Protein backbone atom coordinates (compact mmCIF):
# COMPACT_ATOMS: atom_id res chain seq x y z
CA MET A 1 40.32 -3.25 43.16
CA LYS A 2 36.71 -3.25 44.31
CA SER A 3 35.72 -1.14 41.29
CA PHE A 4 37.56 -3.55 38.97
CA LEU A 5 35.73 -6.55 40.44
CA LEU A 6 32.37 -4.81 40.09
CA GLY A 7 33.19 -4.04 36.47
CA CYS A 8 34.11 -7.65 35.79
CA VAL A 9 30.91 -8.91 37.39
CA PHE A 10 28.82 -6.47 35.35
CA LEU A 11 30.56 -7.30 32.06
CA LEU A 12 30.08 -11.01 32.79
CA ALA A 13 26.37 -10.37 33.30
CA MET A 14 26.23 -8.50 30.00
CA LEU A 15 27.94 -11.33 28.15
CA GLN A 16 25.55 -13.85 29.64
CA ARG A 17 22.60 -11.69 28.70
CA SER A 18 23.84 -11.10 25.15
CA ASN A 19 23.86 -14.87 24.62
CA MET A 20 20.27 -15.15 25.78
CA GLN A 21 17.31 -14.60 23.47
CA ILE A 22 16.07 -11.05 23.85
CA THR A 23 12.58 -11.09 25.29
CA VAL A 24 10.16 -8.32 24.45
CA PRO A 25 7.04 -7.60 26.50
CA ALA A 26 3.88 -9.10 25.06
CA THR A 27 2.21 -5.69 25.22
CA VAL A 28 3.96 -2.50 24.20
CA LEU A 29 3.02 1.11 24.59
CA ASN A 30 0.96 2.09 21.57
CA CYS A 31 0.38 5.50 23.07
CA CYS A 32 2.97 7.62 21.39
CA GLU A 33 4.40 9.04 18.21
CA GLY A 34 7.68 10.92 17.99
CA ASP A 35 11.34 11.01 16.96
CA ILE A 36 14.04 10.50 19.61
CA VAL A 37 17.80 10.84 19.16
CA ILE A 38 19.94 9.34 21.95
CA LEU A 39 23.10 11.44 22.26
CA LEU A 40 25.45 8.98 24.00
CA ASP A 41 28.78 10.13 25.45
CA SER A 42 31.24 7.55 24.08
CA SER A 43 34.43 9.48 24.78
CA GLY A 44 37.46 8.36 26.79
CA SER A 45 36.27 10.21 29.92
CA VAL A 46 33.48 7.63 30.30
CA ALA A 47 34.64 4.40 31.93
CA ASN A 48 33.80 1.15 30.17
CA TYR A 49 31.59 0.17 33.09
CA GLU A 50 29.68 3.47 32.93
CA PHE A 51 29.28 3.17 29.16
CA SER A 52 27.80 -0.33 29.50
CA ARG A 53 25.41 0.86 32.22
CA LEU A 54 24.23 3.75 30.01
CA LEU A 55 23.52 1.32 27.16
CA LEU A 56 21.59 -0.96 29.51
CA PHE A 57 19.62 2.04 30.76
CA ALA A 58 18.71 3.08 27.18
CA ALA A 59 17.65 -0.46 26.26
CA GLU A 60 15.33 -0.74 29.26
CA LEU A 61 14.01 2.79 28.83
CA PHE A 62 12.69 2.22 25.30
CA ARG A 63 11.79 -1.46 25.63
CA PRO A 64 8.00 -0.96 26.08
CA PHE A 65 7.44 1.34 23.06
CA SER A 66 5.99 0.47 19.66
CA LEU A 67 8.59 1.41 17.07
CA GLY A 68 8.56 2.71 13.50
CA ARG A 69 6.76 5.38 11.52
CA GLY A 70 3.47 6.29 13.12
CA HIS A 71 4.92 5.24 16.48
CA VAL A 72 8.30 5.99 18.09
CA ARG A 73 11.47 6.26 16.01
CA VAL A 74 14.79 5.95 17.88
CA SER A 75 18.29 6.88 16.69
CA LEU A 76 21.65 6.48 18.47
CA LEU A 77 24.39 9.08 17.95
CA GLN A 78 27.75 8.58 19.72
CA VAL A 79 29.94 11.45 20.94
CA GLY A 80 33.69 11.04 20.46
CA THR A 81 36.48 12.87 18.68
CA MET A 82 34.23 12.61 15.61
CA PRO A 83 30.49 11.87 15.92
CA ASN A 84 29.32 8.41 14.92
CA LEU A 85 25.73 7.75 13.87
CA GLU A 86 25.25 4.19 15.11
CA PHE A 87 21.77 3.92 13.53
CA GLY A 88 19.21 6.35 12.11
CA LEU A 89 15.57 7.00 12.91
CA ASP A 90 14.23 4.50 10.36
CA ALA A 91 16.65 1.70 11.20
CA HIS A 92 14.44 -0.22 13.66
CA ASN A 93 10.70 -0.85 13.71
CA LYS A 94 10.76 -3.88 16.01
CA GLN A 95 11.93 -4.10 19.62
CA GLU A 96 14.06 -7.19 19.04
CA SER A 97 16.03 -5.35 16.36
CA LEU A 98 16.54 -2.25 18.53
CA GLN A 99 17.63 -4.25 21.57
CA LYS A 100 20.20 -6.24 19.60
CA ALA A 101 21.55 -3.03 18.07
CA LEU A 102 21.97 -1.39 21.48
CA TRP A 103 23.76 -4.42 22.90
CA SER A 104 26.23 -4.47 20.00
CA VAL A 105 27.42 -0.84 20.35
CA THR A 106 31.19 -0.40 20.84
CA GLN A 107 32.62 2.59 22.72
CA LEU A 108 34.52 5.13 20.60
CA GLN A 109 36.90 6.55 23.24
CA GLY A 110 38.69 9.75 22.19
CA ASP A 111 37.73 13.36 22.95
CA THR A 112 34.31 14.69 23.98
CA ASN A 113 33.34 16.63 20.83
CA THR A 114 29.70 17.23 21.74
CA GLU A 115 29.39 20.28 19.46
CA ALA A 116 30.09 18.24 16.30
CA ALA A 117 27.64 15.55 17.39
CA LEU A 118 24.92 18.15 18.03
CA LYS A 119 25.19 19.34 14.41
CA VAL A 120 24.41 15.79 13.27
CA ALA A 121 21.55 15.57 15.80
CA GLU A 122 20.11 18.84 14.48
CA GLN A 123 20.06 17.45 10.96
CA LEU A 124 18.36 14.25 12.10
CA LEU A 125 15.65 16.00 14.07
CA THR A 126 14.90 19.09 12.00
CA GLU A 127 15.49 18.15 8.37
CA THR A 128 12.77 15.48 8.38
CA LYS A 129 9.49 17.33 7.82
CA THR A 130 7.35 15.19 10.11
CA ASP A 131 4.71 16.80 12.28
CA VAL A 132 5.58 14.79 15.40
CA PRO A 133 7.27 15.73 18.71
CA LYS A 134 11.07 15.47 18.71
CA ILE A 135 13.38 14.69 21.66
CA LEU A 136 17.13 14.78 22.20
CA LEU A 137 18.07 12.49 25.11
CA TRP A 138 21.61 13.29 26.26
CA LEU A 139 23.35 10.53 28.24
CA THR A 140 26.71 11.79 29.53
CA ASP A 141 29.19 11.88 32.38
CA GLY A 142 29.10 15.67 31.98
CA VAL A 143 32.89 16.04 31.96
CA GLN A 144 34.01 18.91 29.70
CA PRO A 145 31.16 18.66 27.20
CA GLY A 146 32.39 21.74 25.35
CA ASP A 147 30.45 24.82 24.25
CA VAL A 148 27.01 23.31 23.79
CA ASP A 149 24.88 26.34 24.67
CA GLU A 150 24.45 27.64 21.12
CA PRO A 151 23.63 24.31 19.37
CA MET A 152 21.27 23.34 22.20
CA SER A 153 19.52 26.72 21.88
CA ARG A 154 19.06 26.16 18.13
CA LEU A 155 17.49 22.77 18.75
CA LYS A 156 15.11 24.12 21.36
CA ALA A 157 14.18 27.04 19.10
CA GLN A 158 13.04 24.50 16.49
CA GLY A 159 10.76 22.73 18.96
CA VAL A 160 13.08 19.92 20.07
CA SER A 161 12.72 18.89 23.71
CA VAL A 162 16.09 18.24 25.39
CA LEU A 163 16.37 15.79 28.30
CA ALA A 164 19.63 14.90 30.02
CA VAL A 165 20.92 12.15 32.30
CA SER A 166 24.35 12.69 33.90
CA THR A 167 26.51 10.83 36.34
CA VAL A 168 27.59 12.65 39.49
CA HIS A 169 30.71 14.07 37.77
CA GLY A 170 28.63 16.29 35.49
CA ASN A 171 28.74 20.07 35.15
CA TYR A 172 25.26 20.73 36.48
CA ARG A 173 25.09 24.34 35.26
CA VAL A 174 25.84 23.38 31.65
CA LEU A 175 23.23 20.64 31.79
CA GLN A 176 20.71 22.99 33.41
CA ARG A 177 21.04 25.45 30.53
CA ALA A 178 20.81 22.68 27.95
CA VAL A 179 17.54 20.99 28.91
CA THR A 180 14.02 22.24 28.32
CA PRO A 181 11.78 22.90 31.32
CA PRO A 182 10.63 21.53 33.66
CA LEU A 183 14.03 20.69 35.15
CA GLU A 184 12.62 18.32 37.76
CA SER A 185 11.47 15.84 35.10
CA HIS A 186 13.94 16.60 32.28
CA LEU A 187 17.29 16.68 34.11
CA TYR A 188 18.69 13.83 36.21
CA SER A 189 22.04 13.55 37.95
CA VAL A 190 22.48 10.08 39.36
CA ASP A 191 25.15 7.64 40.48
CA ILE A 192 25.75 5.17 37.66
CA ASP A 193 25.07 2.18 39.93
CA ASN A 194 21.63 3.59 40.79
CA ILE A 195 20.59 4.74 37.32
CA ASP A 196 17.77 2.17 37.21
CA ILE A 197 15.75 4.15 39.76
CA ILE A 198 15.10 6.97 37.27
CA THR A 199 13.98 4.74 34.37
CA GLN A 200 10.26 5.02 35.09
CA ASP A 201 10.42 8.77 35.80
CA ILE A 202 12.22 9.68 32.60
CA ARG A 203 10.04 7.32 30.57
CA GLU A 204 6.94 9.11 31.87
CA ALA A 205 8.56 12.45 30.97
CA ILE A 206 9.14 11.19 27.42
CA ILE A 207 5.59 9.84 27.15
CA LYS A 208 4.21 13.19 28.27
CA ILE A 209 6.01 14.85 25.35
CA ILE A 210 5.23 12.33 22.59
CA ARG A 211 1.84 11.03 23.67
CA ALA A 212 -0.32 11.10 20.55
CA GLU A 213 -3.40 12.68 22.05
CA ARG A 214 -5.58 13.35 19.05
CA LEU A 215 -8.87 12.23 17.61
CA SER A 216 -8.63 11.56 13.86
CA VAL A 217 -11.17 11.00 11.09
CA VAL A 218 -9.86 8.04 9.07
CA ASP A 219 -12.88 7.41 6.80
CA LEU A 220 -15.63 9.76 5.70
CA THR A 221 -18.76 9.43 3.54
CA SER A 222 -21.87 11.50 3.08
CA HIS A 223 -23.63 9.67 5.93
CA SER A 224 -20.86 8.24 8.15
CA ALA A 225 -17.48 8.95 9.74
CA VAL A 226 -14.93 6.64 11.37
CA LEU A 227 -13.02 8.20 14.29
CA GLN A 228 -9.76 6.74 15.56
CA TRP A 229 -7.54 7.45 18.57
CA ARG A 230 -4.54 6.06 20.40
CA PRO A 231 -5.72 3.72 23.15
CA VAL A 232 -4.86 4.99 26.63
CA LEU A 233 -7.10 2.54 28.54
CA SER A 234 -7.34 -1.21 28.73
CA ALA A 235 -10.49 -3.31 28.74
CA GLY A 236 -10.82 -3.28 32.53
CA SER A 237 -9.31 0.09 33.42
CA GLY A 238 -12.14 2.42 32.40
CA PHE A 239 -14.25 3.56 29.45
CA TYR A 240 -14.45 6.29 26.80
CA GLU A 241 -17.23 8.86 26.74
CA LEU A 242 -18.07 10.06 23.23
CA TRP A 243 -20.39 12.85 22.16
CA TYR A 244 -20.99 14.64 18.85
CA ASN A 245 -23.41 17.04 17.23
CA SER A 246 -24.01 19.06 14.09
CA MET A 247 -22.67 22.59 14.33
CA LEU A 248 -25.92 23.74 12.71
CA ASN A 249 -27.92 22.25 15.59
CA THR A 250 -25.92 22.44 18.81
CA ASN A 251 -28.98 21.63 20.93
CA THR A 252 -29.17 18.03 19.69
CA GLU A 253 -26.24 15.99 20.95
CA THR A 254 -25.59 12.25 20.66
CA ARG A 255 -23.67 10.78 23.60
CA TYR A 256 -22.68 7.24 24.58
CA ASN A 257 -19.91 5.21 26.26
CA LEU A 258 -17.36 2.91 24.65
CA PRO A 259 -15.37 0.04 26.24
CA GLY A 260 -11.86 0.77 27.52
CA GLY A 261 -10.34 -1.50 24.87
CA SER A 262 -11.75 0.57 22.00
CA SER A 263 -9.60 2.54 19.57
CA PHE A 264 -12.14 3.54 16.90
CA VAL A 265 -15.85 4.12 16.37
CA GLU A 266 -18.12 4.62 13.34
CA LEU A 267 -20.68 7.39 13.48
CA THR A 268 -23.67 6.63 11.23
CA ASN A 269 -26.90 8.28 10.08
CA LEU A 270 -25.14 11.61 9.62
CA GLN A 271 -26.45 14.32 7.32
CA PRO A 272 -24.60 14.92 4.04
CA ASP A 273 -22.48 18.05 3.52
CA THR A 274 -22.77 18.93 7.22
CA THR A 275 -20.09 20.01 9.71
CA TYR A 276 -19.91 18.06 12.97
CA THR A 277 -17.85 18.35 16.13
CA ALA A 278 -16.97 15.20 18.10
CA SER A 279 -15.28 14.80 21.48
CA LEU A 280 -13.81 11.80 23.30
CA ARG A 281 -12.86 11.68 26.98
CA PRO A 282 -11.12 8.68 28.59
CA GLU A 283 -12.59 8.00 32.05
CA SER A 284 -10.49 6.11 34.61
CA ASN A 285 -10.08 5.95 38.38
CA GLU A 286 -6.31 5.74 37.94
CA ARG A 287 -5.65 9.19 36.43
CA LEU A 288 -7.16 12.14 34.59
CA PHE A 289 -6.99 12.35 30.78
CA ASN A 290 -7.43 15.21 28.39
CA THR A 291 -10.57 15.48 26.24
CA LEU A 292 -9.85 14.96 22.52
CA SER A 293 -11.88 16.77 19.87
CA VAL A 294 -12.17 16.91 16.10
CA ILE A 295 -14.26 18.86 13.58
CA PHE A 296 -15.20 17.29 10.24
CA THR A 297 -17.63 17.84 7.36
CA THR A 298 -19.45 14.94 5.73
CA LEU A 299 -19.28 14.54 1.97
CA PRO A 300 -22.08 15.81 -0.31
CA ASP A 301 -24.86 13.31 -0.83
CA VAL A 302 -24.32 10.83 -3.65
CA LEU A 303 -27.32 8.86 -4.89
CA SER A 304 -26.81 5.65 -6.81
CA PRO A 305 -26.26 5.33 -9.67
CA ALA A 306 -23.64 8.09 -9.81
CA ALA A 307 -21.47 6.33 -12.42
CA VAL A 308 -22.31 3.76 -15.12
CA SER A 309 -19.71 1.91 -17.19
CA VAL A 310 -19.63 -0.91 -19.75
CA SER A 311 -17.11 -3.72 -20.21
CA ASP A 312 -16.75 -7.26 -21.60
CA SER A 313 -18.18 -6.13 -24.93
CA GLY A 314 -18.61 -8.89 -27.51
CA PRO A 315 -20.68 -9.43 -30.67
CA HIS A 316 -23.70 -10.53 -28.61
CA GLN A 317 -23.11 -9.21 -25.07
CA ILE A 318 -22.24 -6.19 -22.92
CA ARG A 319 -21.60 -6.00 -19.17
CA VAL A 320 -22.97 -2.88 -17.51
CA SER A 321 -21.82 -1.79 -14.01
CA TRP A 322 -22.78 1.08 -11.71
CA SER A 323 -21.74 2.68 -8.43
CA PRO A 324 -21.93 3.35 -5.57
CA LEU A 325 -23.65 0.27 -4.21
CA GLN A 326 -26.13 1.42 -1.56
CA PRO A 327 -28.15 -1.61 -0.42
CA ALA A 328 -29.45 0.17 2.68
CA ARG A 329 -30.84 3.08 0.65
CA VAL A 330 -31.99 1.38 -2.57
CA GLN A 331 -35.01 -0.92 -3.00
CA ARG A 332 -34.08 -2.25 -6.45
CA TYR A 333 -32.24 -1.45 -9.68
CA THR A 334 -33.73 -1.54 -13.19
CA VAL A 335 -31.66 -1.82 -16.36
CA GLU A 336 -33.34 -0.86 -19.67
CA TYR A 337 -31.58 -1.32 -23.01
CA GLY A 338 -32.45 -1.11 -26.69
CA ALA A 339 -30.77 -0.65 -30.05
CA ILE A 340 -30.41 2.92 -31.31
CA PRO A 341 -32.41 4.53 -32.86
CA SER A 342 -35.61 2.48 -32.63
CA GLY A 343 -34.87 -0.97 -31.26
CA ARG A 344 -37.21 -2.80 -28.90
CA VAL A 345 -36.50 -1.89 -25.27
CA LYS A 346 -35.84 -4.75 -22.88
CA THR A 347 -35.89 -4.51 -19.07
CA VAL A 348 -33.96 -6.34 -16.33
CA THR A 349 -34.85 -5.89 -12.63
CA LEU A 350 -32.10 -6.50 -10.06
CA SER A 351 -31.80 -6.49 -6.27
CA SER A 352 -30.20 -3.68 -4.28
CA GLN A 353 -27.20 -5.96 -3.61
CA GLN A 354 -26.10 -6.02 -7.27
CA ASN A 355 -24.00 -3.44 -9.08
CA SER A 356 -23.52 -5.14 -12.47
CA THR A 357 -25.26 -7.41 -14.96
CA LEU A 358 -24.42 -9.07 -18.29
CA LEU A 359 -26.77 -8.15 -21.17
CA THR A 360 -26.91 -11.01 -23.71
CA GLY A 361 -28.69 -11.81 -26.97
CA LEU A 362 -27.58 -8.54 -28.58
CA GLU A 363 -27.00 -7.83 -32.26
CA PRO A 364 -23.36 -7.60 -33.39
CA GLY A 365 -21.96 -4.22 -34.49
CA THR A 366 -24.91 -2.34 -32.98
CA GLN A 367 -25.09 0.72 -30.73
CA TYR A 368 -27.32 0.41 -27.66
CA LEU A 369 -28.68 2.90 -25.16
CA VAL A 370 -28.44 1.44 -21.64
CA THR A 371 -30.24 3.12 -18.72
CA VAL A 372 -29.70 2.14 -15.07
CA SER A 373 -32.28 3.45 -12.61
CA ALA A 374 -32.51 3.02 -8.83
CA LEU A 375 -35.66 3.17 -6.77
CA HIS A 376 -34.63 4.49 -3.34
CA VAL A 377 -36.35 3.61 -0.07
CA ASN A 378 -37.59 7.19 0.27
CA GLY A 379 -39.50 6.82 -2.99
CA LYS A 380 -37.09 8.90 -5.07
CA GLU A 381 -35.77 7.51 -8.33
CA ARG A 382 -32.45 8.28 -9.99
CA ALA A 383 -31.36 7.17 -13.45
CA MET A 384 -28.24 7.39 -15.59
CA SER A 385 -27.71 6.35 -19.22
CA VAL A 386 -24.75 5.34 -21.31
CA LYS A 387 -24.24 4.36 -24.95
CA ALA A 388 -22.45 1.10 -25.74
CA CYS A 389 -21.56 -0.76 -28.92
CA THR A 390 -21.33 -4.49 -29.47
CA GLN A 391 -18.39 -5.78 -31.47
CA LYS A 392 -18.75 -6.72 -35.10
CA ALA A 393 -19.14 -10.42 -35.78
CA ALA A 394 -15.75 -11.89 -36.52
CA LEU A 395 -15.39 -13.01 -40.13
CA PRO A 396 -13.42 -16.19 -40.84
CA VAL A 397 -9.87 -15.36 -41.85
CA LEU A 398 -10.02 -17.73 -44.84
CA ALA A 399 -13.11 -18.82 -46.74
CA ASP A 400 -14.25 -20.50 -49.98
CA LEU A 401 -11.07 -22.22 -51.16
CA GLN A 402 -11.51 -23.22 -54.86
CA LEU A 403 -9.34 -25.47 -57.03
CA THR A 404 -9.93 -25.02 -60.79
CA PRO A 405 -8.15 -27.38 -63.28
CA VAL A 406 -6.21 -25.56 -66.00
CA GLU A 407 -3.94 -28.09 -67.74
CA HIS A 408 -2.82 -31.62 -67.01
CA GLN A 409 -1.56 -31.68 -63.43
CA GLU A 410 -2.18 -27.92 -63.08
CA VAL A 411 -4.82 -26.11 -61.00
CA GLN A 412 -5.68 -22.51 -60.23
CA VAL A 413 -6.01 -22.02 -56.45
CA ALA A 414 -8.24 -19.12 -55.26
CA TRP A 415 -9.61 -18.08 -51.87
CA ARG A 416 -11.33 -15.26 -50.03
CA ALA A 417 -9.84 -13.81 -46.82
CA ASN A 418 -10.09 -11.12 -44.14
CA GLU A 419 -6.74 -9.37 -44.59
CA GLU A 420 -6.64 -7.50 -41.24
CA GLY A 421 -3.55 -8.39 -39.18
CA LEU A 422 -2.18 -10.84 -41.75
CA LYS A 423 1.51 -11.03 -42.73
CA GLY A 424 0.90 -13.42 -45.63
CA TYR A 425 -0.23 -16.96 -46.58
CA TRP A 426 1.42 -20.35 -46.42
CA LEU A 427 0.41 -22.62 -49.32
CA SER A 428 1.27 -26.34 -49.33
CA TRP A 429 0.44 -29.19 -51.74
CA GLU A 430 1.50 -32.68 -52.86
CA ARG A 431 3.79 -32.60 -55.93
CA GLU A 432 4.45 -35.46 -58.34
CA ASN A 433 8.11 -36.42 -58.58
CA SER A 434 9.67 -36.66 -62.10
CA HIS A 435 11.74 -39.82 -62.67
CA SER A 436 12.81 -42.19 -65.45
CA SER A 437 11.52 -45.37 -63.84
CA SER A 438 8.17 -46.75 -64.94
CA LYS A 439 7.21 -47.46 -61.35
CA PRO A 440 4.98 -44.85 -59.64
CA SER A 441 6.77 -42.80 -56.97
CA LYS A 442 5.50 -41.36 -53.73
CA PRO A 443 4.53 -37.66 -54.08
CA SER A 444 6.55 -35.07 -52.13
CA MET A 445 5.26 -32.07 -50.18
CA SER A 446 5.88 -28.59 -51.55
CA SER A 447 5.13 -25.22 -49.99
CA VAL A 448 5.41 -21.52 -50.77
CA TYR A 449 4.92 -18.24 -48.89
CA LEU A 450 2.65 -15.63 -50.52
CA PRO A 451 2.19 -11.92 -49.60
CA PRO A 452 -1.00 -10.77 -47.79
CA THR A 453 -2.41 -9.22 -50.99
CA SER A 454 -2.49 -12.59 -52.76
CA ARG A 455 -5.84 -14.22 -53.46
CA SER A 456 -4.88 -16.88 -56.01
CA THR A 457 -1.96 -18.76 -57.58
CA ARG A 458 -1.32 -21.56 -60.11
CA LEU A 459 0.17 -24.88 -59.05
CA THR A 460 1.83 -27.32 -61.50
CA HIS A 461 2.95 -30.93 -61.43
CA LEU A 462 0.34 -31.85 -58.81
CA ALA A 463 0.08 -35.43 -57.74
CA GLN A 464 -3.20 -37.19 -58.36
CA SER A 465 -5.72 -36.41 -55.59
CA SER A 466 -3.29 -33.87 -54.17
CA ARG A 467 -4.31 -32.13 -50.96
CA VAL A 468 -3.91 -28.34 -51.18
CA CYS A 469 -3.89 -26.22 -48.00
CA VAL A 470 -3.81 -22.44 -47.40
CA SER A 471 -2.96 -21.09 -43.92
CA PRO A 472 -2.85 -17.47 -42.68
CA VAL A 473 0.50 -16.19 -41.33
CA TYR A 474 0.58 -13.71 -38.40
CA SER A 475 3.49 -12.04 -36.64
CA SER A 476 3.09 -14.63 -33.88
CA GLY A 477 3.11 -17.62 -36.25
CA ARG A 478 0.93 -19.64 -38.61
CA GLY A 479 -2.82 -19.82 -37.99
CA GLU A 480 -5.45 -22.45 -38.77
CA GLY A 481 -6.02 -22.93 -42.52
CA ILE A 482 -8.42 -24.67 -44.89
CA CYS A 483 -7.73 -27.55 -47.31
CA CYS A 484 -9.22 -29.11 -50.46
CA THR A 485 -8.32 -32.22 -52.48
CA THR A 486 -8.00 -32.23 -56.27
CA GLU A 487 -10.09 -34.71 -58.22
CA LYS A 488 -8.75 -37.10 -60.86
CA GLN A 489 -11.07 -35.70 -63.49
CA LYS A 490 -9.10 -33.17 -65.36
CA ASP A 491 -11.96 -30.96 -66.50
CA SER A 492 -13.97 -30.82 -63.31
CA SER A 493 -14.26 -27.79 -61.08
CA GLN A 494 -12.61 -28.60 -57.80
CA ARG A 495 -14.18 -27.51 -54.49
CA GLY A 496 -13.35 -28.47 -50.88
């Protein structure tokens, strides 16, 4: 009866908590990177109360960690008659999402088929080719887990660390063979009501396995390198000591201290194409940390301009650009350009902050030689040339529309045109209506489509002072045309 009442009280607390907004610590552990599969005994041998306590333990255990790729990935695999993958390693990258998922897990009941579940766990942890530490955390009552020795041995042989938490009913010898050493920090047998007391210890054991203790080069040039590391100190808890030197000159070493809140540093004034070694040691009164080291080689020296390109070409302009931009190493840039083969050379001088300029006043359809030179602060000069062509001046599509009288109310229409891209011509004019009445009638509009090879046509029955228009036709529609008006004099040459 007492056990039943305790279970009711605990379930009531869980229901109350599930209705509350899940709060996540303002600061999370950004110390670690690894994949963790929780192997949760969900069989019928585990009481509902114990199952709920194990879920609560898992939620609190992983609450402080940063989640997702590059941090900690957590998966939950339930053990029952058949294994059930509650969620995979990439399911949750935020604490709120993980906490809600853990609180919504339903117990499977059934048999304790741990062997089948371990096959799924092996796939999760070993088939993903990620170079990060991997952990199997087994939460169980330890009652008849089955023959787990062989699958556990396979996991451990592939570098997976196995940790186990069991209630007092567990088969200690089976658990002892399953976990990876050291047993004192990887194996816990505890009364379910007191499971909270091991949370900090097992969390520290996990952190020790997946702590991302490495110094990485995240950006590299010929004269600089940016080093990055996982922060293990806070602003007031200590400092980082950094030192580096060229492997060609081990006697000259640069050393300085960085604030405890730092997570990256840029090394400058390095020599190009040179191998360096750098070391970082966190210093704190609270605990000892390992020294992190990295070896890197700077890129070969690149003097500007190393690349010159042209763009925005028009009949009278060209934009010339160059790279890399090196304002700290260049005094000024000079751009020289002239028409090939013997055009007058013009010069433009630019500041070290610019990496492009627009050359204007050029001749259309002309090839130019453009040379970009940089005067460096050390007195050296580097130049690079490129050939560029301006576009030909665009000719009007239609030009010189002529109307030549032929007979009474007839004219010959002729025009000149640039045929490129044309689908044809649209010709329109005012036509005189034929009627029996003696009263003059209002002229009507007539039109005709002509093929792109046409350059003239004859129009008849034109109205007096008829307006004749020719428009180019493209695949996208009709373009802008030109118009002329016929004169009343029959024998006059008509021009618009």
